[in-house]
Amino acid sequence: MRKLNFKSGVFSAFDLKIMACVFMLCDHAGYILFPDIMMLRYIGRLSFPLFAYFIAEGCRYTKNKRRRFLSVFILGIVCELTFIVFSGDYYGNILLTFSASILLIHLLDSVKKAYFKSKKLFCLLWISFVFALIATFVYCKLLGLDYGFFGVLAPVFVVAFDNMGEWSVRLYERVDRKVISLFMLTISLVMIAFYEHITDYQILSLISVLLLAFYNGKRGAHSFKYGFYLFYPLHFVALQGITLFM
C-alpha cells in the first residue's frame, strides 16, 4: 500500500510563524485602528491555525515541558495585565488559551504512556484528564479564553494520535503524520467556526491548512523561539500606543 503523504513543502517553521505574526498584526490593526477595513479582519483569521499547529509541534519536541508551559503562561498573565491597564477589561488572551492546550497535551501524553505501564496509573491519569477537560470547559465559559474551549483543543487535536505505541507506528506507516495532524486541525477549526461564534467569517481560518500543507518540517534559517511569544504583547502595546496619538 502506498503511503499517503504530502511532498516536501517550501515553508519552514520560521516562515510560517512570520506569516502568523503578520496575519495577527493585520487582525488587531483592523480591530483597534481600522475597524471599517474588514479585509484586515479576514486576513487575521489565518493566524490562529498556524500558531495552534506550532504550539502542538513544540510539545512534540520540547525537552523541558515545565519551562515551556510556564513561559507561555507567565507571558499570558503579563499580556492580560497589559490589556487591563490599557482597556480596563479582562480579555482571556490567546497565550492563556495555548497554556491550557500545553497542559492538556502533556497530560494526555502521560495517559497514553501509562496505558503500557500500569492499568491503575492509566485509570487515575485518565480520570484526571477528564476532570481537566471539564475544568477547562468551565473556565472558558465563565471567564472566557480567546477562541474558547475548542480553541484550547485545537493543538491537542493536532497531536491526538501521537505516542499510542504500536498503533501509532502502524498508522504513520500508512499515512504521513502531517496529513493526520492537518486533518485533525481542520476538524477543530470547523468546530471553532460553528460553535465558538467568534466572528461570522471564522471559517476563513481553514485557508491556513493549505499553507501548513506546504510546511517542510524544518526549523528554518532562524529560531527566535521566544521572539514570537514576545511579539504578541509588544504589538498590542504598539497598537494601543498609536491610538493615544490619533
Protein backbone atom coordinates (compact mmCIF):
# COMPACT_ATOMS: atom_id res chain seq x y z
CA MET A 1 0.00 0.00 0.00
CA ARG A 2 1.35 3.40 -0.97
CA LYS A 3 1.81 5.76 1.96
CA LEU A 4 -0.50 8.79 1.92
CA ASN A 5 1.62 11.88 2.45
CA PHE A 6 2.43 15.42 1.32
CA LYS A 7 5.53 16.06 -0.73
CA SER A 8 8.26 18.18 0.82
CA GLY A 9 6.99 21.71 1.29
CA VAL A 10 8.59 25.08 0.68
CA PHE A 11 7.85 26.81 4.01
CA SER A 12 9.92 26.32 7.15
CA ALA A 13 8.56 26.75 10.66
CA PHE A 14 10.17 30.19 10.76
CA ASP A 15 8.45 31.22 7.51
CA LEU A 16 5.03 30.14 8.74
CA LYS A 17 5.47 31.78 12.13
CA ILE A 18 6.39 35.05 10.43
CA MET A 19 3.20 34.72 8.35
CA ALA A 20 1.19 34.08 11.52
CA CYS A 21 2.59 37.22 13.14
CA VAL A 22 1.79 39.32 10.06
CA PHE A 23 -1.75 37.91 9.90
CA MET A 24 -2.24 38.60 13.61
CA LEU A 25 -0.93 42.15 13.23
CA CYS A 26 -3.40 42.75 10.39
CA ASP A 27 -6.24 41.38 12.51
CA HIS A 28 -5.52 43.52 15.56
CA ALA A 29 -4.72 46.61 13.49
CA GLY A 30 -8.12 46.19 11.86
CA TYR A 31 -9.80 45.75 15.24
CA ILE A 32 -8.06 48.64 17.01
CA LEU A 33 -7.11 51.18 14.32
CA PHE A 34 -9.14 50.47 11.18
CA PRO A 35 -12.47 48.84 12.14
CA ASP A 36 -14.01 49.76 8.80
CA ILE A 37 -11.44 47.78 6.80
CA MET A 38 -12.86 44.28 7.10
CA MET A 39 -10.22 42.76 4.84
CA LEU A 40 -7.73 43.11 7.71
CA ARG A 41 -10.00 41.03 9.94
CA TYR A 42 -10.44 38.42 7.21
CA ILE A 43 -6.67 38.11 6.87
CA GLY A 44 -6.39 37.85 10.63
CA ARG A 45 -8.39 34.60 10.63
CA LEU A 46 -5.34 32.86 9.18
CA SER A 47 -3.12 33.40 12.22
CA PHE A 48 -4.70 31.13 14.84
CA PRO A 49 -4.33 27.78 12.99
CA LEU A 50 -0.64 28.45 12.32
CA PHE A 51 0.09 29.27 15.95
CA ALA A 52 -2.01 26.32 17.16
CA TYR A 53 -0.13 23.91 14.91
CA PHE A 54 3.28 25.05 16.12
CA ILE A 55 2.20 25.01 19.75
CA ALA A 56 1.49 21.32 19.17
CA GLU A 57 4.77 20.86 17.29
CA GLY A 58 6.62 22.45 20.20
CA CYS A 59 5.01 19.99 22.60
CA ARG A 60 6.23 17.13 20.41
CA TYR A 61 9.86 18.14 20.60
CA THR A 62 10.32 20.14 23.80
CA LYS A 63 12.80 18.77 26.33
CA ASN A 64 11.60 20.89 29.24
CA LYS A 65 7.82 20.70 29.40
CA ARG A 66 7.50 22.68 32.62
CA ARG A 67 9.62 25.59 31.39
CA ARG A 68 7.70 25.79 28.13
CA PHE A 69 4.35 25.86 29.89
CA LEU A 70 5.49 28.45 32.42
CA SER A 71 6.97 30.64 29.68
CA VAL A 72 3.68 30.76 27.77
CA PHE A 73 1.51 31.03 30.88
CA ILE A 74 3.52 33.80 32.58
CA LEU A 75 3.71 35.79 29.37
CA GLY A 76 -0.06 35.32 29.05
CA ILE A 77 -0.51 36.79 32.52
CA VAL A 78 1.71 39.75 31.59
CA CYS A 79 -0.37 40.29 28.45
CA GLU A 80 -3.56 40.16 30.47
CA LEU A 81 -2.29 42.78 32.88
CA THR A 82 -1.37 44.93 29.88
CA PHE A 83 -4.89 44.61 28.49
CA ILE A 84 -6.38 45.54 31.85
CA VAL A 85 -4.14 48.61 32.17
CA PHE A 86 -4.97 49.87 28.66
CA SER A 87 -8.64 48.93 28.43
CA GLY A 88 -9.72 48.21 32.00
CA ASP A 89 -11.22 44.92 30.84
CA TYR A 90 -10.34 41.21 31.05
CA TYR A 91 -9.62 39.62 27.69
CA GLY A 92 -8.54 35.99 28.17
CA ASN A 93 -5.75 36.30 25.60
CA ILE A 94 -4.52 33.58 23.26
CA LEU A 95 -1.43 32.78 25.34
CA LEU A 96 -3.68 31.72 28.21
CA THR A 97 -5.58 29.60 25.72
CA PHE A 98 -2.39 27.93 24.50
CA SER A 99 -1.03 27.43 28.02
CA ALA A 100 -4.16 25.38 28.75
CA SER A 101 -3.54 23.49 25.50
CA ILE A 102 0.02 22.66 26.57
CA LEU A 103 -1.18 21.31 29.91
CA LEU A 104 -3.79 19.10 28.23
CA ILE A 105 -1.32 17.82 25.63
CA HIS A 106 1.23 16.75 28.24
CA LEU A 107 -1.43 15.24 30.50
CA LEU A 108 -2.87 13.28 27.56
CA ASP A 109 0.63 12.14 26.66
CA SER A 110 1.07 10.85 30.21
CA VAL A 111 -2.24 8.98 29.94
CA LYS A 112 -1.12 7.25 26.73
CA LYS A 113 2.24 6.21 28.17
CA ALA A 114 0.65 4.93 31.39
CA TYR A 115 -1.56 2.57 29.35
CA PHE A 116 1.51 0.47 28.53
CA LYS A 117 2.95 0.57 32.05
CA SER A 118 0.25 0.43 34.72
CA LYS A 119 -3.50 0.00 34.39
CA LYS A 120 -4.10 1.65 37.77
CA LEU A 121 -1.98 4.66 36.85
CA PHE A 122 -3.71 4.78 33.48
CA CYS A 123 -7.15 4.93 35.11
CA LEU A 124 -6.02 7.59 37.56
CA LEU A 125 -4.50 9.77 34.85
CA TRP A 126 -7.47 9.26 32.54
CA ILE A 127 -9.83 10.47 35.28
CA SER A 128 -7.51 13.44 35.86
CA PHE A 129 -7.58 14.25 32.15
CA VAL A 130 -11.40 14.15 32.09
CA PHE A 131 -11.55 16.49 35.08
CA ALA A 132 -9.00 18.78 33.38
CA LEU A 133 -11.25 18.92 30.31
CA ILE A 134 -14.27 19.77 32.46
CA ALA A 135 -12.31 22.46 34.36
CA THR A 136 -11.11 23.96 31.06
CA PHE A 137 -14.64 23.99 29.67
CA VAL A 138 -15.99 25.71 32.80
CA TYR A 139 -13.14 28.23 32.79
CA CYS A 140 -13.76 29.04 29.14
CA LYS A 141 -17.45 29.59 29.78
CA LEU A 142 -17.15 31.60 32.99
CA LEU A 143 -14.10 33.76 32.35
CA GLY A 144 -13.60 33.34 28.64
CA LEU A 145 -10.47 32.29 26.82
CA ASP A 146 -9.74 33.60 23.34
CA TYR A 147 -11.11 31.09 20.79
CA GLY A 148 -12.96 29.25 23.55
CA PHE A 149 -12.94 25.59 24.54
CA PHE A 150 -12.39 24.26 21.03
CA GLY A 151 -9.57 26.77 20.62
CA VAL A 152 -7.86 25.12 23.59
CA LEU A 153 -8.43 21.72 21.99
CA ALA A 154 -7.05 22.66 18.55
CA PRO A 155 -3.36 21.94 19.40
CA VAL A 156 -4.49 18.84 21.33
CA PHE A 157 -6.22 17.54 18.20
CA VAL A 158 -3.02 18.02 16.18
CA VAL A 159 -1.09 15.52 18.35
CA ALA A 160 -4.06 13.31 19.27
CA PHE A 161 -2.64 10.17 17.61
CA ASP A 162 0.96 10.53 18.84
CA ASN A 163 2.58 8.17 21.37
CA MET A 164 0.00 5.41 21.15
CA GLY A 165 2.54 2.62 20.90
CA GLU A 166 2.39 0.10 18.08
CA TRP A 167 -0.94 1.51 16.91
CA SER A 168 0.69 4.89 16.15
CA VAL A 169 3.59 3.19 14.39
CA ARG A 170 1.27 1.26 12.08
CA LEU A 171 -0.88 4.32 11.42
CA TYR A 172 2.08 6.52 10.48
CA GLU A 173 3.42 3.78 8.22
CA ARG A 174 0.30 4.16 6.09
CA VAL A 175 -0.47 7.85 6.45
CA ASP A 176 2.04 10.65 6.94
CA ARG A 177 1.78 12.25 10.38
CA LYS A 178 1.37 15.71 8.84
CA VAL A 179 -1.68 14.53 6.89
CA ILE A 180 -3.32 13.26 10.07
CA SER A 181 -2.35 16.37 12.05
CA LEU A 182 -3.83 18.70 9.42
CA PHE A 183 -6.98 16.60 9.20
CA MET A 184 -7.46 16.83 12.96
CA LEU A 185 -6.67 20.56 12.91
CA THR A 186 -9.32 21.01 10.22
CA ILE A 187 -11.90 19.29 12.42
CA SER A 188 -11.06 21.61 15.33
CA LEU A 189 -11.27 24.71 13.11
CA VAL A 190 -14.72 23.69 11.88
CA MET A 191 -15.83 23.23 15.50
CA ILE A 192 -14.47 26.67 16.39
CA ALA A 193 -16.23 28.27 13.42
CA PHE A 194 -19.62 26.74 14.20
CA TYR A 195 -19.63 26.53 18.00
CA GLU A 196 -17.49 29.33 19.40
CA HIS A 197 -19.20 32.17 17.45
CA ILE A 198 -16.07 34.33 17.32
CA THR A 199 -16.93 36.00 14.02
CA ASP A 200 -19.26 35.25 11.12
CA TYR A 201 -16.22 34.71 8.90
CA GLN A 202 -14.17 32.44 11.19
CA ILE A 203 -14.44 29.65 8.61
CA LEU A 204 -11.77 31.54 6.61
CA SER A 205 -9.24 30.10 9.04
CA LEU A 206 -9.34 26.88 7.02
CA ILE A 207 -7.18 28.57 4.38
CA SER A 208 -4.25 28.24 6.76
CA VAL A 209 -4.45 24.46 6.47
CA LEU A 210 -3.37 24.88 2.84
CA LEU A 211 -0.35 26.92 3.97
CA LEU A 212 0.57 24.24 6.51
CA ALA A 213 0.34 21.61 3.77
CA PHE A 214 3.49 23.24 2.33
CA TYR A 215 5.38 23.02 5.65
CA ASN A 216 8.67 21.21 5.06
CA GLY A 217 9.18 20.12 8.66
CA LYS A 218 12.34 22.20 9.07
CA ARG A 219 13.02 24.90 11.65
CA GLY A 220 14.31 27.41 9.12
CA ALA A 221 17.20 29.83 9.00
CA HIS A 222 16.33 31.39 12.35
CA SER A 223 14.68 30.17 15.51
CA PHE A 224 13.59 33.22 17.58
CA LYS A 225 11.82 30.73 19.83
CA TYR A 226 10.60 33.24 22.39
CA GLY A 227 10.58 36.14 19.95
CA PHE A 228 7.25 35.00 18.55
CA TYR A 229 5.74 34.85 22.03
CA LEU A 230 7.07 38.32 22.83
CA PHE A 231 5.67 39.70 19.60
CA TYR A 232 2.15 39.14 20.92
CA PRO A 233 2.24 41.64 23.84
CA LEU A 234 4.64 44.03 22.11
CA HIS A 235 2.48 44.54 19.03
CA PHE A 236 -0.55 45.16 21.25
CA VAL A 237 1.34 47.79 23.22
CA ALA A 238 2.46 49.40 19.96
CA LEU A 239 -1.07 49.49 18.54
CA GLN A 240 -2.50 50.88 21.75
CA GLY A 241 0.27 53.48 21.82
CA ILE A 242 -0.64 54.57 18.30
CA THR A 243 -4.25 55.11 19.36
CA LEU A 244 -3.04 57.60 22.01
CA PHE A 245 -1.58 59.80 19.28
CA MET A 246 -4.54 59.55 16.90
